[in-house]
Amino acid sequence: MKYVAAYLLAQLAGKESPSAADVKAVLAGAAAEVDDSKLSAFMAEIEGKDVAELIAEGNKKLASVPSGGAGPAAAGGAAGGDTAAAAAAPEEEEEEEADMDFDLFD
């Protein structure tokens, strides 16, 4: 994936058809390790092909991949609960910072 990203970055920098050396330069700028065999394989696969067309083909293929669906529905609340008891519960009073005898900047 890093070879694809480096190739596309080299294209954005103005190279119409970046070479392996251009891709290596981008990866070196990011302090990434380069496996020459993987880079050579990538360059051989992409040689003579339009990257925009390859991306469009990939998007079509990804559209048919299932995404796993939605998660399970959330459980409902308890039925028939006593809402009056919950509403009558006393609220705790928050302490004010002035009452704590603590200063952040002491």
PDB file of N, CA and C in Angstrom:
ATOM      1  N   MET A   1       0.821  -1.190   0.000  1.00  0.00           N
ATOM      2  CA  MET A   1       0.000   0.000   0.000  1.00  0.00           C
ATOM      3  C   MET A   1       0.866   1.256   0.000  1.00  0.00           C
ATOM      4  N   LYS A   2       2.006   1.184   0.696  1.00  0.00           N
ATOM      5  CA  LYS A   2       2.850   2.371   0.756  1.00  0.00           C
ATOM      6  C   LYS A   2       3.431   2.702  -0.612  1.00  0.00           C
ATOM      7  N   TYR A   3       3.609   1.691  -1.460  1.00  0.00           N
ATOM      8  CA  TYR A   3       4.136   1.945  -2.801  1.00  0.00           C
ATOM      9  C   TYR A   3       3.092   2.657  -3.658  1.00  0.00           C
ATOM     10  N   VAL A   4       1.839   2.267  -3.484  1.00  0.00           N
ATOM     11  CA  VAL A   4       0.744   2.933  -4.205  1.00  0.00           C
ATOM     12  C   VAL A   4       0.649   4.387  -3.759  1.00  0.00           C
ATOM     13  N   ALA A   5       0.687   4.607  -2.448  1.00  0.00           N
ATOM     14  CA  ALA A   5       0.590   5.965  -1.914  1.00  0.00           C
ATOM     15  C   ALA A   5       1.760   6.821  -2.383  1.00  0.00           C
ATOM     16  N   ALA A   6       2.963   6.259  -2.359  1.00  0.00           N
ATOM     17  CA  ALA A   6       4.142   7.014  -2.797  1.00  0.00           C
ATOM     18  C   ALA A   6       4.060   7.326  -4.287  1.00  0.00           C
ATOM     19  N   TYR A   7       3.563   6.390  -5.080  1.00  0.00           N
ATOM     20  CA  TYR A   7       3.397   6.610  -6.522  1.00  0.00           C
ATOM     21  C   TYR A   7       2.421   7.762  -6.768  1.00  0.00           C
ATOM     22  N   LEU A   8       1.288   7.730  -6.055  1.00  0.00           N
ATOM     23  CA  LEU A   8       0.284   8.787  -6.223  1.00  0.00           C
ATOM     24  C   LEU A   8       0.807  10.137  -5.743  1.00  0.00           C
ATOM     25  N   LEU A   9       1.590  10.150  -4.673  1.00  0.00           N
ATOM     26  CA  LEU A   9       2.181  11.407  -4.203  1.00  0.00           C
ATOM     27  C   LEU A   9       3.164  11.961  -5.227  1.00  0.00           C
ATOM     28  N   ALA A  10       3.923  11.077  -5.857  1.00  0.00           N
ATOM     29  CA  ALA A  10       4.852  11.529  -6.896  1.00  0.00           C
ATOM     30  C   ALA A  10       4.087  12.107  -8.079  1.00  0.00           C
ATOM     31  N   GLN A  11       2.934  11.518  -8.399  1.00  0.00           N
ATOM     32  CA  GLN A  11       2.097  12.079  -9.467  1.00  0.00           C
ATOM     33  C   GLN A  11       1.575  13.454  -9.080  1.00  0.00           C
ATOM     34  N   LEU A  12       1.155  13.599  -7.844  1.00  0.00           N
ATOM     35  CA  LEU A  12       0.667  14.902  -7.382  1.00  0.00           C
ATOM     36  C   LEU A  12       1.763  15.957  -7.414  1.00  0.00           C
ATOM     37  N   ALA A  13       2.998  15.508  -7.274  1.00  0.00           N
ATOM     38  CA  ALA A  13       4.134  16.436  -7.303  1.00  0.00           C
ATOM     39  C   ALA A  13       4.493  16.853  -8.720  1.00  0.00           C
ATOM     40  N   GLY A  14       3.820  16.277  -9.720  1.00  0.00           N
ATOM     41  CA  GLY A  14       4.036  16.711 -11.092  1.00  0.00           C
ATOM     42  C   GLY A  14       4.614  15.674 -12.028  1.00  0.00           C
ATOM     43  N   LYS A  15       4.947  14.494 -11.538  1.00  0.00           N
ATOM     44  CA  LYS A  15       5.469  13.432 -12.401  1.00  0.00           C
ATOM     45  C   LYS A  15       4.281  12.704 -13.025  1.00  0.00           C
ATOM     46  N   GLU A  16       4.199  12.710 -14.367  1.00  0.00           N
ATOM     47  CA  GLU A  16       3.082  12.019 -15.014  1.00  0.00           C
ATOM     48  C   GLU A  16       3.166  10.516 -14.815  1.00  0.00           C
ATOM     49  N   SER A  17       4.358   9.979 -14.986  1.00  0.00           N
ATOM     50  CA  SER A  17       4.585   8.547 -14.829  1.00  0.00           C
ATOM     51  C   SER A  17       5.826   8.354 -13.955  1.00  0.00           C
ATOM     52  N   PRO A  18       5.657   8.365 -12.645  1.00  0.00           N
ATOM     53  CA  PRO A  18       6.807   8.270 -11.740  1.00  0.00           C
ATOM     54  C   PRO A  18       7.595   6.972 -11.931  1.00  0.00           C
ATOM     55  N   SER A  19       8.886   7.070 -11.782  1.00  0.00           N
ATOM     56  CA  SER A  19       9.762   5.902 -11.883  1.00  0.00           C
ATOM     57  C   SER A  19       9.936   5.277 -10.500  1.00  0.00           C
ATOM     58  N   ALA A  20      10.611   4.137 -10.470  1.00  0.00           N
ATOM     59  CA  ALA A  20      10.895   3.486  -9.191  1.00  0.00           C
ATOM     60  C   ALA A  20      11.751   4.389  -8.315  1.00  0.00           C
ATOM     61  N   ALA A  21      12.657   5.139  -8.936  1.00  0.00           N
ATOM     62  CA  ALA A  21      13.501   6.062  -8.171  1.00  0.00           C
ATOM     63  C   ALA A  21      12.665   7.178  -7.545  1.00  0.00           C
ATOM     64  N   ASP A  22      11.641   7.644  -8.269  1.00  0.00           N
ATOM     65  CA  ASP A  22      10.753   8.677  -7.727  1.00  0.00           C
ATOM     66  C   ASP A  22       9.987   8.144  -6.514  1.00  0.00           C
ATOM     67  N   VAL A  23       9.501   6.915  -6.635  1.00  0.00           N
ATOM     68  CA  VAL A  23       8.761   6.300  -5.534  1.00  0.00           C
ATOM     69  C   VAL A  23       9.685   6.106  -4.331  1.00  0.00           C
ATOM     70  N   LYS A  24      10.919   5.660  -4.592  1.00  0.00           N
ATOM     71  CA  LYS A  24      11.895   5.490  -3.510  1.00  0.00           C
ATOM     72  C   LYS A  24      12.183   6.817  -2.814  1.00  0.00           C
ATOM     73  N   ALA A  25      12.266   7.895  -3.596  1.00  0.00           N
ATOM     74  CA  ALA A  25      12.546   9.209  -3.018  1.00  0.00           C
ATOM     75  C   ALA A  25      11.417   9.651  -2.086  1.00  0.00           C
ATOM     76  N   VAL A  26      10.180   9.397  -2.492  1.00  0.00           N
ATOM     77  CA  VAL A  26       9.041   9.754  -1.643  1.00  0.00           C
ATOM     78  C   VAL A  26       9.082   8.939  -0.348  1.00  0.00           C
ATOM     79  N   LEU A  27       9.336   7.647  -0.476  1.00  0.00           N
ATOM     80  CA  LEU A  27       9.387   6.791   0.711  1.00  0.00           C
ATOM     81  C   LEU A  27      10.563   7.146   1.615  1.00  0.00           C
ATOM     82  N   ALA A  28      11.684   7.528   1.016  1.00  0.00           N
ATOM     83  CA  ALA A  28      12.845   7.938   1.813  1.00  0.00           C
ATOM     84  C   ALA A  28      12.527   9.208   2.593  1.00  0.00           C
ATOM     85  N   GLY A  29      11.749  10.097   1.998  1.00  0.00           N
ATOM     86  CA  GLY A  29      11.343  11.321   2.684  1.00  0.00           C
ATOM     87  C   GLY A  29      10.476  11.042   3.894  1.00  0.00           C
ATOM     88  N   ALA A  30       9.792   9.902   3.880  1.00  0.00           N
ATOM     89  CA  ALA A  30       8.950   9.513   5.010  1.00  0.00           C
ATOM     90  C   ALA A  30       9.664   8.530   5.928  1.00  0.00           C
ATOM     91  N   ALA A  31      10.939   8.295   5.675  1.00  0.00           N
ATOM     92  CA  ALA A  31      11.758   7.355   6.458  1.00  0.00           C
ATOM     93  C   ALA A  31      11.160   5.952   6.478  1.00  0.00           C
ATOM     94  N   ALA A  32      10.564   5.549   5.339  1.00  0.00           N
ATOM     95  CA  ALA A  32       9.970   4.219   5.225  1.00  0.00           C
ATOM     96  C   ALA A  32      10.960   3.260   4.575  1.00  0.00           C
ATOM     97  N   GLU A  33      10.906   2.008   4.992  1.00  0.00           N
ATOM     98  CA  GLU A  33      11.769   0.996   4.404  1.00  0.00           C
ATOM     99  C   GLU A  33      11.241   0.621   3.026  1.00  0.00           C
ATOM    100  N   VAL A  34      12.157   0.346   2.097  1.00  0.00           N
ATOM    101  CA  VAL A  34      11.780  -0.015   0.736  1.00  0.00           C
ATOM    102  C   VAL A  34      12.267  -1.429   0.457  1.00  0.00           C
ATOM    103  N   ASP A  35      11.339  -2.291   0.071  1.00  0.00           N
ATOM    104  CA  ASP A  35      11.674  -3.644  -0.372  1.00  0.00           C
ATOM    105  C   ASP A  35      11.734  -3.585  -1.894  1.00  0.00           C
ATOM    106  N   ASP A  36      12.941  -3.696  -2.443  1.00  0.00           N
ATOM    107  CA  ASP A  36      13.129  -3.533  -3.884  1.00  0.00           C
ATOM    108  C   ASP A  36      12.323  -4.537  -4.699  1.00  0.00           C
ATOM    109  N   SER A  37      12.160  -5.752  -4.204  1.00  0.00           N
ATOM    110  CA  SER A  37      11.396  -6.748  -4.960  1.00  0.00           C
ATOM    111  C   SER A  37       9.917  -6.375  -5.020  1.00  0.00           C
ATOM    112  N   LYS A  38       9.372  -5.888  -3.913  1.00  0.00           N
ATOM    113  CA  LYS A  38       7.967  -5.459  -3.907  1.00  0.00           C
ATOM    114  C   LYS A  38       7.770  -4.219  -4.769  1.00  0.00           C
ATOM    115  N   LEU A  39       8.723  -3.293  -4.709  1.00  0.00           N
ATOM    116  CA  LEU A  39       8.627  -2.090  -5.528  1.00  0.00           C
ATOM    117  C   LEU A  39       8.704  -2.451  -7.008  1.00  0.00           C
ATOM    118  N   SER A  40       9.596  -3.358  -7.362  1.00  0.00           N
ATOM    119  CA  SER A  40       9.725  -3.780  -8.762  1.00  0.00           C
ATOM    120  C   SER A  40       8.454  -4.464  -9.245  1.00  0.00           C
ATOM    121  N   ALA A  41       7.858  -5.301  -8.399  1.00  0.00           N
ATOM    122  CA  ALA A  41       6.613  -5.980  -8.758  1.00  0.00           C
ATOM    123  C   ALA A  41       5.489  -4.968  -8.961  1.00  0.00           C
ATOM    124  N   PHE A  42       5.414  -3.983  -8.084  1.00  0.00           N
ATOM    125  CA  PHE A  42       4.390  -2.945  -8.219  1.00  0.00           C
ATOM    126  C   PHE A  42       4.582  -2.154  -9.503  1.00  0.00           C
ATOM    127  N   MET A  43       5.816  -1.754  -9.777  1.00  0.00           N
ATOM    128  CA  MET A  43       6.093  -0.961 -10.978  1.00  0.00           C
ATOM    129  C   MET A  43       5.782  -1.765 -12.244  1.00  0.00           C
ATOM    130  N   ALA A  44       6.039  -3.076 -12.219  1.00  0.00           N
ATOM    131  CA  ALA A  44       5.726  -3.925 -13.372  1.00  0.00           C
ATOM    132  C   ALA A  44       4.215  -4.031 -13.575  1.00  0.00           C
ATOM    133  N   GLU A  45       3.461  -4.109 -12.493  1.00  0.00           N
ATOM    134  CA  GLU A  45       2.003  -4.208 -12.581  1.00  0.00           C
ATOM    135  C   GLU A  45       1.368  -2.923 -13.102  1.00  0.00           C
ATOM    136  N   ILE A  46       1.911  -1.796 -12.733  1.00  0.00           N
ATOM    137  CA  ILE A  46       1.296  -0.511 -13.075  1.00  0.00           C
ATOM    138  C   ILE A  46       1.803   0.045 -14.410  1.00  0.00           C
ATOM    139  N   GLU A  47       2.856  -0.535 -14.934  1.00  0.00           N
ATOM    140  CA  GLU A  47       3.478  -0.018 -16.156  1.00  0.00           C
ATOM    141  C   GLU A  47       2.476  -0.007 -17.320  1.00  0.00           C
ATOM    142  N   GLY A  48       2.345   1.152 -17.951  1.00  0.00           N
ATOM    143  CA  GLY A  48       1.481   1.311 -19.114  1.00  0.00           C
ATOM    144  C   GLY A  48       0.003   1.434 -18.799  1.00  0.00           C
ATOM    145  N   LYS A  49      -0.350   1.529 -17.542  1.00  0.00           N
ATOM    146  CA  LYS A  49      -1.760   1.617 -17.150  1.00  0.00           C
ATOM    147  C   LYS A  49      -2.065   3.006 -16.615  1.00  0.00           C
ATOM    148  N   ASP A  50      -3.311   3.424 -16.794  1.00  0.00           N
ATOM    149  CA  ASP A  50      -3.766   4.714 -16.281  1.00  0.00           C
ATOM    150  C   ASP A  50      -4.246   4.520 -14.840  1.00  0.00           C
ATOM    151  N   VAL A  51      -3.641   5.231 -13.932  1.00  0.00           N
ATOM    152  CA  VAL A  51      -3.952   5.066 -12.509  1.00  0.00           C
ATOM    153  C   VAL A  51      -5.404   5.436 -12.214  1.00  0.00           C
ATOM    154  N   ALA A  52      -5.930   6.459 -12.859  1.00  0.00           N
ATOM    155  CA  ALA A  52      -7.320   6.865 -12.626  1.00  0.00           C
ATOM    156  C   ALA A  52      -8.275   5.730 -13.010  1.00  0.00           C
ATOM    157  N   GLU A  53      -7.979   5.029 -14.105  1.00  0.00           N
ATOM    158  CA  GLU A  53      -8.818   3.900 -14.514  1.00  0.00           C
ATOM    159  C   GLU A  53      -8.711   2.751 -13.514  1.00  0.00           C
ATOM    160  N   LEU A  54      -7.505   2.498 -13.024  1.00  0.00           N
ATOM    161  CA  LEU A  54      -7.322   1.437 -12.033  1.00  0.00           C
ATOM    162  C   LEU A  54      -8.103   1.731 -10.756  1.00  0.00           C
ATOM    163  N   ILE A  55      -8.097   2.982 -10.337  1.00  0.00           N
ATOM    164  CA  ILE A  55      -8.837   3.373  -9.130  1.00  0.00           C
ATOM    165  C   ILE A  55     -10.335   3.221  -9.358  1.00  0.00           C
ATOM    166  N   ALA A  56     -10.819   3.612 -10.548  1.00  0.00           N
ATOM    167  CA  ALA A  56     -12.241   3.477 -10.867  1.00  0.00           C
ATOM    168  C   ALA A  56     -12.657   2.005 -10.878  1.00  0.00           C
ATOM    169  N   GLU A  57     -11.819   1.140 -11.448  1.00  0.00           N
ATOM    170  CA  GLU A  57     -12.113  -0.297 -11.449  1.00  0.00           C
ATOM    171  C   GLU A  57     -12.146  -0.840 -10.026  1.00  0.00           C
ATOM    172  N   GLY A  58     -11.212  -0.404  -9.208  1.00  0.00           N
ATOM    173  CA  GLY A  58     -11.178  -0.850  -7.815  1.00  0.00           C
ATOM    174  C   GLY A  58     -12.408  -0.416  -7.040  1.00  0.00           C
ATOM    175  N   ASN A  59     -12.881   0.800  -7.305  1.00  0.00           N
ATOM    176  CA  ASN A  59     -14.089   1.283  -6.630  1.00  0.00           C
ATOM    177  C   ASN A  59     -15.297   0.444  -7.005  1.00  0.00           C
ATOM    178  N   LYS A  60     -15.382   0.030  -8.283  1.00  0.00           N
ATOM    179  CA  LYS A  60     -16.496  -0.820  -8.719  1.00  0.00           C
ATOM    180  C   LYS A  60     -16.446  -2.164  -8.001  1.00  0.00           C
ATOM    181  N   LYS A  61     -15.242  -2.709  -7.856  1.00  0.00           N
ATOM    182  CA  LYS A  61     -15.104  -3.993  -7.169  1.00  0.00           C
ATOM    183  C   LYS A  61     -15.455  -3.865  -5.690  1.00  0.00           C
ATOM    184  N   LEU A  62     -15.057  -2.768  -5.068  1.00  0.00           N
ATOM    185  CA  LEU A  62     -15.353  -2.572  -3.648  1.00  0.00           C
ATOM    186  C   LEU A  62     -16.837  -2.360  -3.392  1.00  0.00           C
ATOM    187  N   ALA A  63     -17.556  -1.848  -4.390  1.00  0.00           N
ATOM    188  CA  ALA A  63     -18.984  -1.614  -4.213  1.00  0.00           C
ATOM    189  C   ALA A  63     -19.740  -2.922  -4.015  1.00  0.00           C
ATOM    190  N   SER A  64     -19.214  -4.029  -4.540  1.00  0.00           N
ATOM    191  CA  SER A  64     -19.900  -5.313  -4.421  1.00  0.00           C
ATOM    192  C   SER A  64     -19.494  -6.094  -3.176  1.00  0.00           C
ATOM    193  N   VAL A  65     -18.573  -5.576  -2.397  1.00  0.00           N
ATOM    194  CA  VAL A  65     -18.112  -6.262  -1.188  1.00  0.00           C
ATOM    195  C   VAL A  65     -19.082  -5.966  -0.048  1.00  0.00           C
ATOM    196  N   PRO A  66     -19.567  -7.013   0.631  1.00  0.00           N
ATOM    197  CA  PRO A  66     -20.463  -6.755   1.761  1.00  0.00           C
ATOM    198  C   PRO A  66     -19.717  -6.052   2.888  1.00  0.00           C
ATOM    199  N   SER A  67     -20.422  -5.179   3.564  1.00  0.00           N
ATOM    200  CA  SER A  67     -19.780  -4.386   4.611  1.00  0.00           C
ATOM    201  C   SER A  67     -20.083  -4.887   6.016  1.00  0.00           C
ATOM    202  N   GLY A  68     -20.777  -5.991   6.152  1.00  0.00           N
ATOM    203  CA  GLY A  68     -21.018  -6.548   7.479  1.00  0.00           C
ATOM    204  C   GLY A  68     -22.371  -6.196   8.057  1.00  0.00           C
ATOM    205  N   GLY A  69     -23.076  -5.257   7.496  1.00  0.00           N
ATOM    206  CA  GLY A  69     -24.404  -4.910   7.972  1.00  0.00           C
ATOM    207  C   GLY A  69     -24.394  -4.092   9.245  1.00  0.00           C
ATOM    208  N   ALA A  70     -25.570  -3.818   9.724  1.00  0.00           N
ATOM    209  CA  ALA A  70     -25.727  -2.994  10.920  1.00  0.00           C
ATOM    210  C   ALA A  70     -25.569  -3.845  12.171  1.00  0.00           C
ATOM    211  N   GLY A  71     -25.247  -3.214  13.246  1.00  0.00           N
ATOM    212  CA  GLY A  71     -25.111  -3.899  14.526  1.00  0.00           C
ATOM    213  C   GLY A  71     -26.475  -4.227  15.096  1.00  0.00           C
ATOM    214  N   PRO A  72     -26.508  -4.958  16.185  1.00  0.00           N
ATOM    215  CA  PRO A  72     -27.790  -5.305  16.797  1.00  0.00           C
ATOM    216  C   PRO A  72     -28.481  -4.068  17.363  1.00  0.00           C
ATOM    217  N   ALA A  73     -29.793  -4.160  17.443  1.00  0.00           N
ATOM    218  CA  ALA A  73     -30.578  -3.044  17.966  1.00  0.00           C
ATOM    219  C   ALA A  73     -30.347  -2.905  19.466  1.00  0.00           C
ATOM    220  N   ALA A  74     -30.436  -1.696  19.953  1.00  0.00           N
ATOM    221  CA  ALA A  74     -30.261  -1.435  21.380  1.00  0.00           C
ATOM    222  C   ALA A  74     -31.455  -1.982  22.148  1.00  0.00           C
ATOM    223  N   ALA A  75     -31.212  -2.469  23.338  1.00  0.00           N
ATOM    224  CA  ALA A  75     -32.283  -3.002  24.175  1.00  0.00           C
ATOM    225  C   ALA A  75     -33.152  -1.863  24.686  1.00  0.00           C
ATOM    226  N   GLY A  76     -34.441  -2.123  24.797  1.00  0.00           N
ATOM    227  CA  GLY A  76     -35.370  -1.117  25.292  1.00  0.00           C
ATOM    228  C   GLY A  76     -35.297  -1.005  26.804  1.00  0.00           C
ATOM    229  N   GLY A  77     -35.879   0.043  27.347  1.00  0.00           N
ATOM    230  CA  GLY A  77     -35.895   0.239  28.791  1.00  0.00           C
ATOM    231  C   GLY A  77     -36.867  -0.722  29.454  1.00  0.00           C
ATOM    232  N   ALA A  78     -36.824  -0.813  30.767  1.00  0.00           N
ATOM    233  CA  ALA A  78     -37.727  -1.687  31.511  1.00  0.00           C
ATOM    234  C   ALA A  78     -39.141  -1.144  31.415  1.00  0.00           C
ATOM    235  N   ALA A  79     -40.078  -2.022  31.173  1.00  0.00           N
ATOM    236  CA  ALA A  79     -41.470  -1.607  31.030  1.00  0.00           C
ATOM    237  C   ALA A  79     -42.123  -1.498  32.407  1.00  0.00           C
ATOM    238  N   GLY A  80     -43.009  -0.535  32.566  1.00  0.00           N
ATOM    239  CA  GLY A  80     -43.806  -0.409  33.775  1.00  0.00           C
ATOM    240  C   GLY A  80     -43.040   0.066  34.990  1.00  0.00           C
ATOM    241  N   GLY A  81     -41.948   0.721  34.804  1.00  0.00           N
ATOM    242  CA  GLY A  81     -41.164   1.216  35.932  1.00  0.00           C
ATOM    243  C   GLY A  81     -41.866   2.369  36.621  1.00  0.00           C
ATOM    244  N   ASP A  82     -41.487   2.654  37.856  1.00  0.00           N
ATOM    245  CA  ASP A  82     -42.085   3.741  38.620  1.00  0.00           C
ATOM    246  C   ASP A  82     -41.306   5.016  38.337  1.00  0.00           C
ATOM    247  N   THR A  83     -41.821   5.845  37.447  1.00  0.00           N
ATOM    248  CA  THR A  83     -41.124   7.070  37.076  1.00  0.00           C
ATOM    249  C   THR A  83     -41.251   8.135  38.142  1.00  0.00           C
ATOM    250  N   ALA A  84     -42.285   8.059  38.976  1.00  0.00           N
ATOM    251  CA  ALA A  84     -42.466   9.060  40.021  1.00  0.00           C
ATOM    252  C   ALA A  84     -41.367   8.941  41.076  1.00  0.00           C
ATOM    253  N   ALA A  85     -40.954   7.727  41.390  1.00  0.00           N
ATOM    254  CA  ALA A  85     -39.905   7.524  42.390  1.00  0.00           C
ATOM    255  C   ALA A  85     -38.573   8.047  41.869  1.00  0.00           C
ATOM    256  N   ALA A  86     -38.333   7.865  40.599  1.00  0.00           N
ATOM    257  CA  ALA A  86     -37.085   8.342  40.015  1.00  0.00           C
ATOM    258  C   ALA A  86     -37.064   9.865  39.966  1.00  0.00           C
ATOM    259  N   ALA A  87     -38.200  10.469  39.716  1.00  0.00           N
ATOM    260  CA  ALA A  87     -38.275  11.922  39.639  1.00  0.00           C
ATOM    261  C   ALA A  87     -38.171  12.555  41.025  1.00  0.00           C
ATOM    262  N   ALA A  88     -38.610  11.844  42.064  1.00  0.00           N
ATOM    263  CA  ALA A  88     -38.604  12.391  43.412  1.00  0.00           C
ATOM    264  C   ALA A  88     -37.257  12.229  44.106  1.00  0.00           C
ATOM    265  N   ALA A  89     -36.337  11.498  43.517  1.00  0.00           N
ATOM    266  CA  ALA A  89     -35.025  11.291  44.142  1.00  0.00           C
ATOM    267  C   ALA A  89     -34.315  12.630  44.274  1.00  0.00           C
ATOM    268  N   PRO A  90     -33.755  12.896  45.451  1.00  0.00           N
ATOM    269  CA  PRO A  90     -33.091  14.194  45.656  1.00  0.00           C
ATOM    270  C   PRO A  90     -31.803  14.284  44.832  1.00  0.00           C
ATOM    271  N   GLU A  91     -31.579  15.448  44.302  1.00  0.00           N
ATOM    272  CA  GLU A  91     -30.361  15.677  43.530  1.00  0.00           C
ATOM    273  C   GLU A  91     -29.248  16.098  44.473  1.00  0.00           C
ATOM    274  N   GLU A  92     -28.061  15.568  44.235  1.00  0.00           N
ATOM    275  CA  GLU A  92     -26.929  15.932  45.068  1.00  0.00           C
ATOM    276  C   GLU A  92     -26.447  17.319  44.678  1.00  0.00           C
ATOM    277  N   GLU A  93     -26.097  18.080  45.689  1.00  0.00           N
ATOM    278  CA  GLU A  93     -25.634  19.433  45.454  1.00  0.00           C
ATOM    279  C   GLU A  93     -24.137  19.405  45.175  1.00  0.00           C
ATOM    280  N   GLU A  94     -23.705  20.073  44.124  1.00  0.00           N
ATOM    281  CA  GLU A  94     -22.290  20.106  43.782  1.00  0.00           C
ATOM    282  C   GLU A  94     -21.554  21.073  44.699  1.00  0.00           C
ATOM    283  N   GLU A  95     -20.345  20.675  45.082  1.00  0.00           N
ATOM    284  CA  GLU A  95     -19.534  21.551  45.911  1.00  0.00           C
ATOM    285  C   GLU A  95     -18.951  22.655  45.048  1.00  0.00           C
ATOM    286  N   GLU A  96     -18.851  23.808  45.635  1.00  0.00           N
ATOM    287  CA  GLU A  96     -18.251  24.913  44.905  1.00  0.00           C
ATOM    288  C   GLU A  96     -16.752  24.897  45.118  1.00  0.00           C
ATOM    289  N   GLU A  97     -16.021  25.390  44.147  1.00  0.00           N
ATOM    290  CA  GLU A  97     -14.569  25.394  44.229  1.00  0.00           C
ATOM    291  C   GLU A  97     -14.057  26.257  45.378  1.00  0.00           C
ATOM    292  N   ALA A  98     -14.778  27.283  45.755  1.00  0.00           N
ATOM    293  CA  ALA A  98     -14.332  28.182  46.813  1.00  0.00           C
ATOM    294  C   ALA A  98     -14.341  27.486  48.173  1.00  0.00           C
ATOM    295  N   ASP A  99     -15.165  26.458  48.344  1.00  0.00           N
ATOM    296  CA  ASP A  99     -15.278  25.764  49.618  1.00  0.00           C
ATOM    297  C   ASP A  99     -14.211  24.694  49.819  1.00  0.00           C
ATOM    298  N   MET A 100     -13.373  24.451  48.863  1.00  0.00           N
ATOM    299  CA  MET A 100     -12.441  23.327  48.935  1.00  0.00           C
ATOM    300  C   MET A 100     -11.110  23.672  49.584  1.00  0.00           C
ATOM    301  N   ASP A 101     -10.804  24.897  49.844  1.00  0.00           N
ATOM    302  CA  ASP A 101      -9.519  25.314  50.398  1.00  0.00           C
ATOM    303  C   ASP A 101      -8.349  24.763  49.590  1.00  0.00           C
ATOM    304  N   PHE A 102      -8.500  24.759  48.317  1.00  0.00           N
ATOM    305  CA  PHE A 102      -7.455  24.257  47.420  1.00  0.00           C
ATOM    306  C   PHE A 102      -7.334  25.231  46.265  1.00  0.00           C
ATOM    307  N   ASP A 103      -6.119  25.695  46.069  1.00  0.00           N
ATOM    308  CA  ASP A 103      -5.878  26.615  44.964  1.00  0.00           C
ATOM    309  C   ASP A 103      -4.933  25.942  43.984  1.00  0.00           C
ATOM    310  N   LEU A 104      -5.254  25.959  42.761  1.00  0.00           N
ATOM    311  CA  LEU A 104      -4.463  25.309  41.722  1.00  0.00           C
ATOM    312  C   LEU A 104      -3.087  25.933  41.584  1.00  0.00           C
ATOM    313  N   PHE A 105      -2.954  27.210  41.914  1.00  0.00           N
ATOM    314  CA  PHE A 105      -1.701  27.914  41.687  1.00  0.00           C
ATOM    315  C   PHE A 105      -0.929  28.204  42.972  1.00  0.00           C
ATOM    316  N   ASP A 106      -1.121  27.436  44.038  1.00  0.00           N
ATOM    317  CA  ASP A 106      -0.361  27.622  45.285  1.00  0.00           C
ATOM    318  C   ASP A 106       1.018  27.052  45.151  1.00  0.00           C
TER     319      ASP A 106
END
